[in-house]
């Protein structure tokens, strides 16, 4: 359910469960973590995360939630792995981003979204806490008040508003193509140079 492909010099990780809106299972989280670790070990300069179909991810799989997936440490492990990735990371949000899937997108360096994407993190309504690092990462992008609007007030925002707030960096009709275009300079550079530049940001 995680497809790994190399495209234009980038390593692309695809959430491939379109029939379930790319809802994440525990096995998918483990596979993503392993794929990110492998890309780092391979010295890949640009890592892109995207989804199959018309939704990036609806968040956690509902059956998994009934078995405790909402409290699983794998969410934070994965987002930490992405945040620590030595190269450029881009979330190519091919559609709506919801719930626990926020963690991996927030941990990326850049986010590209299609114009029809929506963003919501309904932890307040559902009685869960967000991943531990998510509030600070979200506030760093959109500011504390807007982060509270999303997490505490459960606001659902559209792509143009997400761009205005700084939650996403670019809108493109094709999120993956937009991500690769945005990463063109890094894709053309020596991977070691990309890593040195990334290290200067302290992530």
N, C-alpha and C. Protein backbone atom coordinates (compact mmCIF):
# COMPACT_ATOMS: atom_id res chain seq x y z
N UNK A 1 0.81 -1.21 0.00
CA UNK A 1 0.00 0.00 0.00
C UNK A 1 0.84 1.27 0.00
N UNK A 2 2.17 1.09 0.05
CA UNK A 2 3.09 2.20 -0.16
C UNK A 2 3.90 1.86 -1.41
N UNK A 3 3.78 2.71 -2.41
CA UNK A 3 4.50 2.51 -3.67
C UNK A 3 5.72 3.43 -3.68
N UNK A 4 6.87 2.86 -4.00
CA UNK A 4 8.12 3.62 -4.04
C UNK A 4 8.59 3.69 -5.49
N UNK A 5 8.82 4.91 -5.97
CA UNK A 5 9.29 5.06 -7.34
C UNK A 5 10.29 6.20 -7.42
N UNK A 6 11.21 6.08 -8.34
CA UNK A 6 12.17 7.15 -8.60
C UNK A 6 11.72 7.90 -9.84
N UNK A 7 11.63 9.21 -9.72
CA UNK A 7 11.14 10.03 -10.83
C UNK A 7 11.93 11.32 -10.92
N UNK A 8 12.57 11.53 -12.04
CA UNK A 8 13.32 12.76 -12.25
C UNK A 8 14.40 13.01 -11.23
N UNK A 9 14.95 11.95 -10.66
CA UNK A 9 16.00 12.10 -9.65
C UNK A 9 15.47 12.14 -8.23
N UNK A 10 14.16 12.24 -8.06
CA UNK A 10 13.54 12.27 -6.73
C UNK A 10 13.06 10.87 -6.35
N UNK A 11 13.00 10.60 -5.08
CA UNK A 11 12.35 9.38 -4.58
C UNK A 11 10.92 9.77 -4.19
N UNK A 12 9.96 9.13 -4.81
CA UNK A 12 8.55 9.44 -4.59
C UNK A 12 7.90 8.30 -3.82
N UNK A 13 7.31 8.62 -2.68
CA UNK A 13 6.57 7.64 -1.87
C UNK A 13 5.09 7.92 -2.05
N UNK A 14 4.35 6.93 -2.53
CA UNK A 14 2.94 7.11 -2.86
C UNK A 14 2.07 6.31 -1.90
N UNK A 15 1.16 7.01 -1.22
CA UNK A 15 0.15 6.32 -0.42
C UNK A 15 -0.83 5.71 -1.42
N UNK A 16 -0.86 4.39 -1.52
CA UNK A 16 -1.58 3.73 -2.60
C UNK A 16 -2.73 2.88 -2.05
N UNK A 17 -3.70 3.59 -1.51
CA UNK A 17 -4.91 2.93 -1.00
C UNK A 17 -6.11 3.83 -1.34
N UNK A 18 -6.20 4.16 -2.61
CA UNK A 18 -7.17 5.15 -3.06
C UNK A 18 -8.61 4.75 -2.75
N UNK A 19 -8.89 3.45 -2.73
CA UNK A 19 -10.26 3.01 -2.47
C UNK A 19 -10.69 3.30 -1.03
N UNK A 20 -9.74 3.58 -0.16
CA UNK A 20 -10.01 3.92 1.24
C UNK A 20 -9.52 5.34 1.56
N UNK A 21 -9.48 6.19 0.54
CA UNK A 21 -9.02 7.59 0.69
C UNK A 21 -7.63 7.65 1.32
N UNK A 22 -6.82 6.62 1.01
CA UNK A 22 -5.44 6.55 1.52
C UNK A 22 -5.37 6.65 3.03
N UNK A 23 -6.40 6.11 3.70
CA UNK A 23 -6.38 6.05 5.16
C UNK A 23 -5.20 5.19 5.60
N UNK A 24 -4.51 5.62 6.63
CA UNK A 24 -3.25 5.01 7.03
C UNK A 24 -3.44 3.91 8.08
N UNK A 25 -2.86 2.77 7.81
CA UNK A 25 -2.85 1.66 8.75
C UNK A 25 -1.49 1.63 9.46
N UNK A 26 -1.40 0.80 10.49
CA UNK A 26 -0.13 0.67 11.20
C UNK A 26 0.95 0.12 10.28
N UNK A 27 0.58 -0.82 9.41
CA UNK A 27 1.54 -1.38 8.46
C UNK A 27 2.03 -0.31 7.47
N UNK A 28 1.13 0.58 7.05
CA UNK A 28 1.52 1.65 6.14
C UNK A 28 2.49 2.61 6.80
N UNK A 29 2.24 2.93 8.07
CA UNK A 29 3.15 3.82 8.79
C UNK A 29 4.54 3.21 8.89
N UNK A 30 4.59 1.90 9.17
CA UNK A 30 5.88 1.21 9.27
C UNK A 30 6.58 1.18 7.91
N UNK A 31 5.80 0.95 6.85
CA UNK A 31 6.39 0.91 5.51
C UNK A 31 6.91 2.28 5.09
N UNK A 32 6.18 3.33 5.42
CA UNK A 32 6.63 4.69 5.12
C UNK A 32 7.92 5.00 5.88
N UNK A 33 7.96 4.65 7.15
CA UNK A 33 9.15 4.91 7.96
C UNK A 33 10.36 4.20 7.36
N UNK A 34 10.18 2.95 6.95
CA UNK A 34 11.28 2.19 6.36
C UNK A 34 11.71 2.80 5.02
N UNK A 35 10.74 3.28 4.24
CA UNK A 35 11.06 3.86 2.92
C UNK A 35 11.81 5.18 3.07
N UNK A 36 11.42 5.98 4.06
CA UNK A 36 12.14 7.25 4.31
C UNK A 36 13.56 6.96 4.76
N UNK A 37 13.71 5.98 5.66
CA UNK A 37 15.05 5.61 6.13
C UNK A 37 15.91 5.11 4.98
N UNK A 38 15.32 4.33 4.08
CA UNK A 38 16.07 3.79 2.95
C UNK A 38 16.50 4.91 2.00
N UNK A 39 15.61 5.87 1.75
CA UNK A 39 15.96 7.00 0.88
C UNK A 39 17.13 7.79 1.46
N UNK A 40 17.12 7.98 2.78
CA UNK A 40 18.23 8.69 3.43
C UNK A 40 19.52 7.89 3.29
N UNK A 41 19.43 6.58 3.49
CA UNK A 41 20.62 5.73 3.36
C UNK A 41 21.15 5.72 1.93
N UNK A 42 20.25 5.86 0.96
CA UNK A 42 20.64 5.88 -0.45
C UNK A 42 21.18 7.25 -0.88
N UNK A 43 21.11 8.23 -0.01
CA UNK A 43 21.61 9.56 -0.33
C UNK A 43 20.74 10.32 -1.32
N UNK A 44 19.44 10.03 -1.34
CA UNK A 44 18.52 10.69 -2.26
C UNK A 44 18.34 12.14 -1.84
N UNK A 45 18.57 13.07 -2.76
CA UNK A 45 18.55 14.49 -2.41
C UNK A 45 17.15 15.04 -2.20
N UNK A 46 16.16 14.49 -2.92
CA UNK A 46 14.79 15.02 -2.85
C UNK A 46 13.82 13.87 -2.61
N UNK A 47 13.04 14.00 -1.56
CA UNK A 47 12.03 13.01 -1.20
C UNK A 47 10.66 13.66 -1.31
N UNK A 48 9.75 13.01 -2.05
CA UNK A 48 8.40 13.54 -2.24
C UNK A 48 7.39 12.54 -1.72
N UNK A 49 6.42 13.02 -0.96
CA UNK A 49 5.32 12.19 -0.48
C UNK A 49 4.05 12.63 -1.19
N UNK A 50 3.30 11.67 -1.73
CA UNK A 50 2.04 12.00 -2.39
C UNK A 50 1.07 10.83 -2.21
N UNK A 51 -0.13 11.00 -2.76
CA UNK A 51 -1.14 9.96 -2.64
C UNK A 51 -1.69 9.56 -3.99
N UNK A 52 -2.27 8.37 -4.06
CA UNK A 52 -2.95 7.92 -5.27
C UNK A 52 -4.38 8.45 -5.24
N UNK A 53 -4.93 8.67 -6.41
CA UNK A 53 -6.32 9.10 -6.47
C UNK A 53 -6.50 10.58 -6.20
N UNK A 54 -7.64 10.93 -5.60
CA UNK A 54 -8.02 12.34 -5.45
C UNK A 54 -7.93 12.85 -4.02
N UNK A 55 -7.43 12.03 -3.10
CA UNK A 55 -7.26 12.43 -1.70
C UNK A 55 -5.83 12.09 -1.29
N UNK A 56 -5.16 13.02 -0.62
CA UNK A 56 -3.83 12.68 -0.11
C UNK A 56 -3.96 11.63 0.97
N UNK A 57 -4.71 11.94 2.01
CA UNK A 57 -5.00 10.94 3.03
C UNK A 57 -6.10 11.44 3.95
N UNK A 58 -7.03 10.53 4.26
CA UNK A 58 -8.10 10.84 5.20
C UNK A 58 -7.65 10.69 6.65
N UNK A 59 -6.37 10.36 6.85
CA UNK A 59 -5.87 10.19 8.21
C UNK A 59 -5.80 8.73 8.59
N UNK A 60 -6.14 8.42 9.81
CA UNK A 60 -6.02 7.05 10.31
C UNK A 60 -7.16 6.17 9.82
N UNK A 61 -6.83 4.92 9.54
CA UNK A 61 -7.82 3.91 9.17
C UNK A 61 -8.79 3.69 10.34
N UNK A 62 -10.09 3.70 10.03
CA UNK A 62 -11.09 3.62 11.10
C UNK A 62 -11.03 2.29 11.86
N UNK A 63 -10.80 1.19 11.15
CA UNK A 63 -10.68 -0.10 11.84
C UNK A 63 -9.46 -0.08 12.76
N UNK A 64 -8.38 0.53 12.29
CA UNK A 64 -7.20 0.64 13.13
C UNK A 64 -7.43 1.50 14.35
N UNK A 65 -8.23 2.55 14.18
CA UNK A 65 -8.54 3.42 15.32
C UNK A 65 -9.24 2.63 16.43
N UNK A 66 -10.10 1.71 16.04
CA UNK A 66 -10.80 0.89 17.03
C UNK A 66 -9.85 -0.02 17.78
N UNK A 67 -8.67 -0.24 17.20
CA UNK A 67 -7.67 -1.11 17.83
C UNK A 67 -6.51 -0.32 18.44
N UNK A 68 -6.69 0.99 18.58
CA UNK A 68 -5.69 1.81 19.26
C UNK A 68 -4.71 2.54 18.37
N UNK A 69 -4.96 2.55 17.06
CA UNK A 69 -4.04 3.20 16.14
C UNK A 69 -3.87 4.69 16.45
N UNK A 70 -4.93 5.32 16.96
CA UNK A 70 -4.86 6.75 17.26
C UNK A 70 -3.82 7.11 18.30
N UNK A 71 -3.41 6.13 19.11
CA UNK A 71 -2.42 6.39 20.16
C UNK A 71 -1.06 5.76 19.84
N UNK A 72 -0.91 5.20 18.65
CA UNK A 72 0.31 4.47 18.31
C UNK A 72 1.51 5.42 18.18
N UNK A 73 2.67 5.02 18.68
CA UNK A 73 3.86 5.88 18.59
C UNK A 73 4.40 6.00 17.17
N UNK A 74 3.97 5.12 16.27
CA UNK A 74 4.50 5.15 14.90
C UNK A 74 4.26 6.47 14.19
N UNK A 75 3.18 7.18 14.54
CA UNK A 75 2.90 8.47 13.91
C UNK A 75 4.04 9.46 14.16
N UNK A 76 4.42 9.57 15.42
CA UNK A 76 5.47 10.53 15.79
C UNK A 76 6.84 10.07 15.30
N UNK A 77 7.07 8.77 15.30
CA UNK A 77 8.32 8.23 14.77
C UNK A 77 8.48 8.60 13.30
N UNK A 78 7.41 8.43 12.54
CA UNK A 78 7.46 8.74 11.11
C UNK A 78 7.68 10.23 10.86
N UNK A 79 6.92 11.09 11.54
CA UNK A 79 7.08 12.52 11.31
C UNK A 79 8.47 12.99 11.74
N UNK A 80 9.00 12.40 12.80
CA UNK A 80 10.37 12.73 13.21
C UNK A 80 11.40 12.30 12.19
N UNK A 81 11.17 11.14 11.58
CA UNK A 81 12.08 10.64 10.54
C UNK A 81 12.08 11.58 9.33
N UNK A 82 10.88 12.05 8.95
CA UNK A 82 10.79 12.96 7.81
C UNK A 82 11.44 14.30 8.15
N UNK A 83 11.18 14.82 9.35
CA UNK A 83 11.76 16.11 9.76
C UNK A 83 13.28 16.05 9.78
N UNK A 84 13.84 14.89 10.11
CA UNK A 84 15.29 14.73 10.20
C UNK A 84 15.92 14.33 8.87
N UNK A 85 15.12 14.20 7.82
CA UNK A 85 15.65 13.75 6.53
C UNK A 85 16.73 14.73 6.05
N UNK A 86 17.88 14.22 5.61
CA UNK A 86 18.99 15.12 5.28
C UNK A 86 18.85 15.89 3.98
N UNK A 87 17.90 15.53 3.13
CA UNK A 87 17.68 16.26 1.88
C UNK A 87 16.40 17.07 1.93
N UNK A 88 15.98 17.54 0.76
CA UNK A 88 14.75 18.33 0.64
C UNK A 88 13.55 17.40 0.62
N UNK A 89 12.55 17.70 1.44
CA UNK A 89 11.32 16.90 1.48
C UNK A 89 10.14 17.77 1.06
N UNK A 90 9.28 17.21 0.21
CA UNK A 90 8.12 17.94 -0.30
C UNK A 90 6.89 17.05 -0.19
N UNK A 91 5.83 17.58 0.39
CA UNK A 91 4.54 16.90 0.39
C UNK A 91 3.76 17.38 -0.83
N UNK A 92 3.46 16.46 -1.74
CA UNK A 92 2.67 16.77 -2.93
C UNK A 92 1.24 16.35 -2.63
N UNK A 93 0.46 17.31 -2.16
CA UNK A 93 -0.88 17.03 -1.64
C UNK A 93 -1.87 17.02 -2.80
N UNK A 94 -2.12 15.83 -3.31
CA UNK A 94 -2.97 15.65 -4.48
C UNK A 94 -4.46 15.79 -4.16
N UNK A 95 -4.77 16.03 -2.92
CA UNK A 95 -6.16 16.21 -2.49
C UNK A 95 -6.18 16.49 -1.00
N UNK A 96 -7.32 16.25 -0.39
CA UNK A 96 -7.55 16.62 1.00
C UNK A 96 -6.56 15.95 1.95
N UNK A 97 -6.13 16.73 2.94
CA UNK A 97 -5.23 16.28 4.00
C UNK A 97 -6.00 16.35 5.31
N UNK A 98 -6.11 15.22 6.01
CA UNK A 98 -6.93 15.19 7.22
C UNK A 98 -6.26 14.40 8.34
N UNK A 99 -6.62 14.76 9.56
CA UNK A 99 -6.25 13.99 10.74
C UNK A 99 -4.77 13.71 10.87
N UNK A 100 -4.46 12.47 11.23
CA UNK A 100 -3.09 12.08 11.50
C UNK A 100 -2.13 12.24 10.34
N UNK A 101 -2.66 12.31 9.12
CA UNK A 101 -1.80 12.51 7.95
C UNK A 101 -1.14 13.88 7.97
N UNK A 102 -1.67 14.81 8.79
CA UNK A 102 -1.04 16.12 8.93
C UNK A 102 0.42 15.99 9.35
N UNK A 103 0.72 15.03 10.21
CA UNK A 103 2.06 14.93 10.78
C UNK A 103 3.14 14.84 9.73
N UNK A 104 2.96 13.97 8.74
CA UNK A 104 4.00 13.80 7.72
C UNK A 104 4.10 15.03 6.83
N UNK A 105 2.97 15.68 6.54
CA UNK A 105 2.99 16.88 5.71
C UNK A 105 3.66 18.04 6.43
N UNK A 106 3.34 18.22 7.71
CA UNK A 106 3.95 19.29 8.49
C UNK A 106 5.45 19.09 8.66
N UNK A 107 5.89 17.84 8.67
CA UNK A 107 7.31 17.54 8.87
C UNK A 107 8.13 17.79 7.61
N UNK A 108 7.47 17.92 6.46
CA UNK A 108 8.18 18.18 5.21
C UNK A 108 8.68 19.63 5.16
N UNK A 109 9.67 19.86 4.32
CA UNK A 109 10.20 21.21 4.15
C UNK A 109 9.23 22.10 3.39
N UNK A 110 8.54 21.54 2.39
CA UNK A 110 7.63 22.29 1.54
C UNK A 110 6.37 21.48 1.28
N UNK A 111 5.29 22.20 0.96
CA UNK A 111 4.01 21.55 0.67
C UNK A 111 3.39 22.17 -0.58
N UNK A 112 3.05 21.33 -1.55
CA UNK A 112 2.36 21.74 -2.77
C UNK A 112 0.99 21.07 -2.75
N UNK A 113 -0.06 21.82 -3.07
CA UNK A 113 -1.41 21.27 -3.02
C UNK A 113 -2.17 21.58 -4.29
N UNK A 114 -3.13 20.72 -4.63
CA UNK A 114 -4.04 21.01 -5.73
C UNK A 114 -5.06 22.03 -5.25
N UNK A 115 -5.63 22.83 -6.14
CA UNK A 115 -6.56 23.89 -5.73
C UNK A 115 -7.80 23.38 -5.01
N UNK A 116 -8.20 22.13 -5.24
CA UNK A 116 -9.40 21.61 -4.59
C UNK A 116 -9.17 20.96 -3.25
N UNK A 117 -7.95 20.96 -2.77
CA UNK A 117 -7.65 20.30 -1.49
C UNK A 117 -8.28 21.05 -0.32
N UNK A 118 -8.62 20.30 0.72
CA UNK A 118 -9.08 20.87 1.97
C UNK A 118 -8.22 20.30 3.10
N UNK A 119 -8.22 21.01 4.23
CA UNK A 119 -7.33 20.67 5.33
C UNK A 119 -8.10 20.72 6.64
N UNK A 120 -8.11 19.62 7.37
CA UNK A 120 -8.75 19.63 8.69
C UNK A 120 -8.15 18.53 9.56
N UNK A 121 -8.18 18.79 10.87
CA UNK A 121 -7.52 17.92 11.85
C UNK A 121 -8.49 17.80 13.03
N UNK A 122 -9.49 16.90 12.93
CA UNK A 122 -10.61 16.89 13.88
C UNK A 122 -10.36 16.16 15.19
N UNK A 123 -9.22 16.42 15.81
CA UNK A 123 -8.90 15.72 17.05
C UNK A 123 -9.76 16.16 18.22
N UNK A 124 -10.15 17.43 18.25
CA UNK A 124 -10.98 17.89 19.34
C UNK A 124 -12.33 17.17 19.33
N UNK A 125 -12.96 17.10 18.18
CA UNK A 125 -14.27 16.48 18.06
C UNK A 125 -14.22 14.99 18.36
N UNK A 126 -13.11 14.36 18.01
CA UNK A 126 -13.02 12.90 18.14
C UNK A 126 -12.37 12.44 19.44
N UNK A 127 -11.92 13.38 20.26
CA UNK A 127 -11.40 13.02 21.57
C UNK A 127 -9.99 12.48 21.58
N UNK A 128 -9.21 12.83 20.56
CA UNK A 128 -7.81 12.41 20.49
C UNK A 128 -6.90 13.62 20.63
N UNK A 129 -5.66 13.36 21.00
CA UNK A 129 -4.64 14.41 20.97
C UNK A 129 -3.93 14.35 19.62
N UNK A 130 -3.47 15.49 19.12
CA UNK A 130 -2.65 15.45 17.90
C UNK A 130 -1.30 14.81 18.22
N UNK A 131 -0.57 14.48 17.19
CA UNK A 131 0.79 13.98 17.41
C UNK A 131 1.59 15.04 18.18
N UNK A 132 2.47 14.63 19.08
CA UNK A 132 3.13 15.59 19.97
C UNK A 132 3.82 16.76 19.27
N UNK A 133 4.43 16.52 18.13
CA UNK A 133 5.17 17.60 17.45
C UNK A 133 4.29 18.46 16.56
N UNK A 134 3.07 18.03 16.29
CA UNK A 134 2.24 18.74 15.31
C UNK A 134 1.84 20.16 15.71
N UNK A 135 1.41 20.41 16.95
CA UNK A 135 1.01 21.78 17.28
C UNK A 135 2.13 22.80 17.05
N UNK A 136 3.35 22.47 17.47
CA UNK A 136 4.47 23.41 17.30
C UNK A 136 4.81 23.58 15.83
N UNK A 137 4.81 22.49 15.06
CA UNK A 137 5.11 22.60 13.63
C UNK A 137 4.03 23.39 12.91
N UNK A 138 2.79 23.16 13.27
CA UNK A 138 1.69 23.89 12.65
C UNK A 138 1.77 25.37 13.00
N UNK A 139 2.02 25.68 14.27
CA UNK A 139 2.11 27.08 14.69
C UNK A 139 3.28 27.80 14.01
N UNK A 140 4.37 27.07 13.76
CA UNK A 140 5.52 27.68 13.09
C UNK A 140 5.18 28.09 11.67
N UNK A 141 4.24 27.39 11.06
CA UNK A 141 3.85 27.70 9.68
C UNK A 141 2.77 28.77 9.61
N UNK A 142 1.73 28.64 10.44
CA UNK A 142 0.55 29.51 10.28
C UNK A 142 0.37 30.51 11.41
N UNK A 143 1.17 30.39 12.47
CA UNK A 143 1.01 31.25 13.64
C UNK A 143 0.17 30.56 14.70
N UNK A 144 0.35 30.93 15.97
CA UNK A 144 -0.35 30.25 17.07
C UNK A 144 -1.87 30.32 16.99
N UNK A 145 -2.42 31.48 16.65
CA UNK A 145 -3.88 31.61 16.64
C UNK A 145 -4.51 30.73 15.57
N UNK A 146 -3.93 30.74 14.39
CA UNK A 146 -4.48 29.93 13.31
C UNK A 146 -4.28 28.44 13.59
N UNK A 147 -3.18 28.09 14.24
CA UNK A 147 -2.99 26.69 14.63
C UNK A 147 -4.08 26.27 15.61
N UNK A 148 -4.44 27.16 16.52
CA UNK A 148 -5.53 26.86 17.46
C UNK A 148 -6.87 26.76 16.74
N UNK A 149 -7.06 27.56 15.70
CA UNK A 149 -8.30 27.48 14.94
C UNK A 149 -8.44 26.10 14.30
N UNK A 150 -7.34 25.54 13.82
CA UNK A 150 -7.39 24.23 13.19
C UNK A 150 -7.52 23.11 14.22
N UNK A 151 -6.73 23.18 15.29
CA UNK A 151 -6.69 22.08 16.26
C UNK A 151 -7.76 22.19 17.35
N UNK A 152 -7.93 23.37 17.92
CA UNK A 152 -8.88 23.53 19.03
C UNK A 152 -10.30 23.82 18.56
N UNK A 153 -10.42 24.60 17.49
CA UNK A 153 -11.75 24.95 16.98
C UNK A 153 -12.19 24.07 15.82
N UNK A 154 -11.30 23.20 15.36
CA UNK A 154 -11.67 22.25 14.32
C UNK A 154 -12.01 22.85 12.98
N UNK A 155 -11.40 24.00 12.66
CA UNK A 155 -11.72 24.66 11.39
C UNK A 155 -11.22 23.85 10.20
N UNK A 156 -12.06 23.81 9.18
CA UNK A 156 -11.72 23.16 7.91
C UNK A 156 -11.38 24.26 6.92
N UNK A 157 -10.18 24.24 6.35
CA UNK A 157 -9.78 25.32 5.47
C UNK A 157 -9.51 24.80 4.06
N UNK A 158 -9.74 25.66 3.09
CA UNK A 158 -9.55 25.32 1.69
C UNK A 158 -8.15 25.71 1.23
N UNK A 159 -7.80 25.25 0.02
CA UNK A 159 -6.43 25.40 -0.46
C UNK A 159 -5.98 26.85 -0.56
N UNK A 160 -6.86 27.73 -1.06
CA UNK A 160 -6.43 29.13 -1.20
C UNK A 160 -6.18 29.77 0.15
N UNK A 161 -6.99 29.41 1.14
CA UNK A 161 -6.79 29.90 2.50
C UNK A 161 -5.51 29.30 3.10
N UNK A 162 -5.27 28.01 2.83
CA UNK A 162 -4.06 27.36 3.32
C UNK A 162 -2.81 28.03 2.74
N UNK A 163 -2.89 28.45 1.48
CA UNK A 163 -1.78 29.16 0.85
C UNK A 163 -1.59 30.52 1.50
N UNK A 164 -2.68 31.21 1.75
CA UNK A 164 -2.61 32.53 2.38
C UNK A 164 -2.05 32.44 3.80
N UNK A 165 -2.40 31.40 4.52
CA UNK A 165 -1.93 31.23 5.89
C UNK A 165 -0.49 30.74 5.96
N UNK A 166 0.03 30.13 4.90
CA UNK A 166 1.38 29.57 4.93
C UNK A 166 1.42 28.08 5.22
N UNK A 167 0.25 27.45 5.28
CA UNK A 167 0.22 26.00 5.50
C UNK A 167 0.75 25.26 4.27
N UNK A 168 0.44 25.78 3.08
CA UNK A 168 1.03 25.26 1.86
C UNK A 168 1.83 26.37 1.18
N UNK A 169 2.78 25.97 0.36
CA UNK A 169 3.70 26.93 -0.25
C UNK A 169 3.38 27.22 -1.71
N UNK A 170 2.62 26.33 -2.35
CA UNK A 170 2.35 26.50 -3.77
C UNK A 170 1.12 25.68 -4.14
N UNK A 171 0.32 26.19 -5.08
CA UNK A 171 -0.81 25.44 -5.62
C UNK A 171 -0.49 25.04 -7.05
N UNK A 172 -0.86 23.82 -7.42
CA UNK A 172 -0.61 23.32 -8.77
C UNK A 172 -1.72 22.34 -9.13
N UNK A 173 -2.14 22.34 -10.37
CA UNK A 173 -3.18 21.40 -10.82
C UNK A 173 -2.71 19.96 -10.67
N UNK A 174 -1.43 19.73 -10.85
CA UNK A 174 -0.82 18.42 -10.65
C UNK A 174 0.20 18.57 -9.51
N UNK A 175 -0.15 18.05 -8.35
CA UNK A 175 0.69 18.29 -7.17
C UNK A 175 2.08 17.70 -7.32
N UNK A 176 2.18 16.49 -7.87
CA UNK A 176 3.49 15.85 -8.00
C UNK A 176 4.36 16.63 -8.99
N UNK A 177 3.78 17.00 -10.14
CA UNK A 177 4.55 17.78 -11.11
C UNK A 177 4.98 19.12 -10.50
N UNK A 178 4.08 19.73 -9.73
CA UNK A 178 4.41 20.99 -9.07
C UNK A 178 5.54 20.82 -8.07
N UNK A 179 5.51 19.71 -7.33
CA UNK A 179 6.57 19.44 -6.35
C UNK A 179 7.92 19.25 -7.04
N UNK A 180 7.93 18.50 -8.13
CA UNK A 180 9.19 18.27 -8.84
C UNK A 180 9.72 19.55 -9.46
N UNK A 181 8.82 20.41 -9.94
CA UNK A 181 9.24 21.70 -10.49
C UNK A 181 9.84 22.57 -9.38
N UNK A 182 9.19 22.58 -8.22
CA UNK A 182 9.67 23.36 -7.10
C UNK A 182 11.05 22.89 -6.64
N UNK A 183 11.28 21.58 -6.78
CA UNK A 183 12.55 21.00 -6.32
C UNK A 183 13.60 20.93 -7.41
N UNK A 184 13.37 21.61 -8.54
CA UNK A 184 14.26 21.47 -9.70
C UNK A 184 15.71 21.80 -9.38
N UNK A 185 15.96 22.87 -8.64
CA UNK A 185 17.34 23.25 -8.33
C UNK A 185 18.02 22.18 -7.49
N UNK A 186 17.31 21.66 -6.52
CA UNK A 186 17.88 20.61 -5.66
C UNK A 186 18.12 19.33 -6.46
N UNK A 187 17.22 19.03 -7.39
CA UNK A 187 17.39 17.83 -8.21
C UNK A 187 18.60 17.96 -9.13
N UNK A 188 18.95 19.18 -9.48
CA UNK A 188 20.10 19.40 -10.36
C UNK A 188 21.41 19.58 -9.62
N UNK A 189 21.36 19.59 -8.31
CA UNK A 189 22.56 19.84 -7.52
C UNK A 189 23.19 18.54 -7.03
N UNK A 190 24.42 18.63 -6.59
CA UNK A 190 25.07 17.50 -5.94
C UNK A 190 24.31 17.20 -4.64
N UNK A 191 23.91 15.93 -4.41
CA UNK A 191 23.17 15.61 -3.19
C UNK A 191 23.88 16.05 -1.91
N UNK A 192 25.20 16.05 -1.92
CA UNK A 192 25.93 16.48 -0.72
C UNK A 192 25.75 17.98 -0.47
N UNK A 193 25.62 18.73 -1.56
CA UNK A 193 25.36 20.17 -1.41
C UNK A 193 23.97 20.40 -0.85
N UNK A 194 23.00 19.62 -1.32
CA UNK A 194 21.63 19.71 -0.79
C UNK A 194 21.63 19.42 0.71
N UNK A 195 22.37 18.40 1.10
CA UNK A 195 22.43 18.03 2.51
C UNK A 195 23.07 19.13 3.35
N UNK A 196 24.13 19.75 2.83
CA UNK A 196 24.78 20.83 3.58
C UNK A 196 23.85 22.03 3.73
N UNK A 197 23.12 22.33 2.67
CA UNK A 197 22.17 23.44 2.75
C UNK A 197 21.06 23.13 3.74
N UNK A 198 20.53 21.92 3.70
CA UNK A 198 19.46 21.53 4.60
C UNK A 198 19.93 21.63 6.06
N UNK A 199 21.16 21.21 6.31
CA UNK A 199 21.69 21.23 7.68
C UNK A 199 21.76 22.64 8.24
N UNK A 200 21.86 23.64 7.39
CA UNK A 200 21.95 25.02 7.86
C UNK A 200 20.64 25.50 8.49
N UNK A 201 19.54 24.79 8.21
CA UNK A 201 18.26 25.15 8.79
C UNK A 201 18.05 24.52 10.16
N UNK A 202 18.96 23.66 10.55
CA UNK A 202 18.89 23.09 11.90
C UNK A 202 17.81 22.07 12.09
N UNK A 203 17.33 21.45 11.00
CA UNK A 203 16.30 20.42 11.13
C UNK A 203 16.92 19.06 10.93
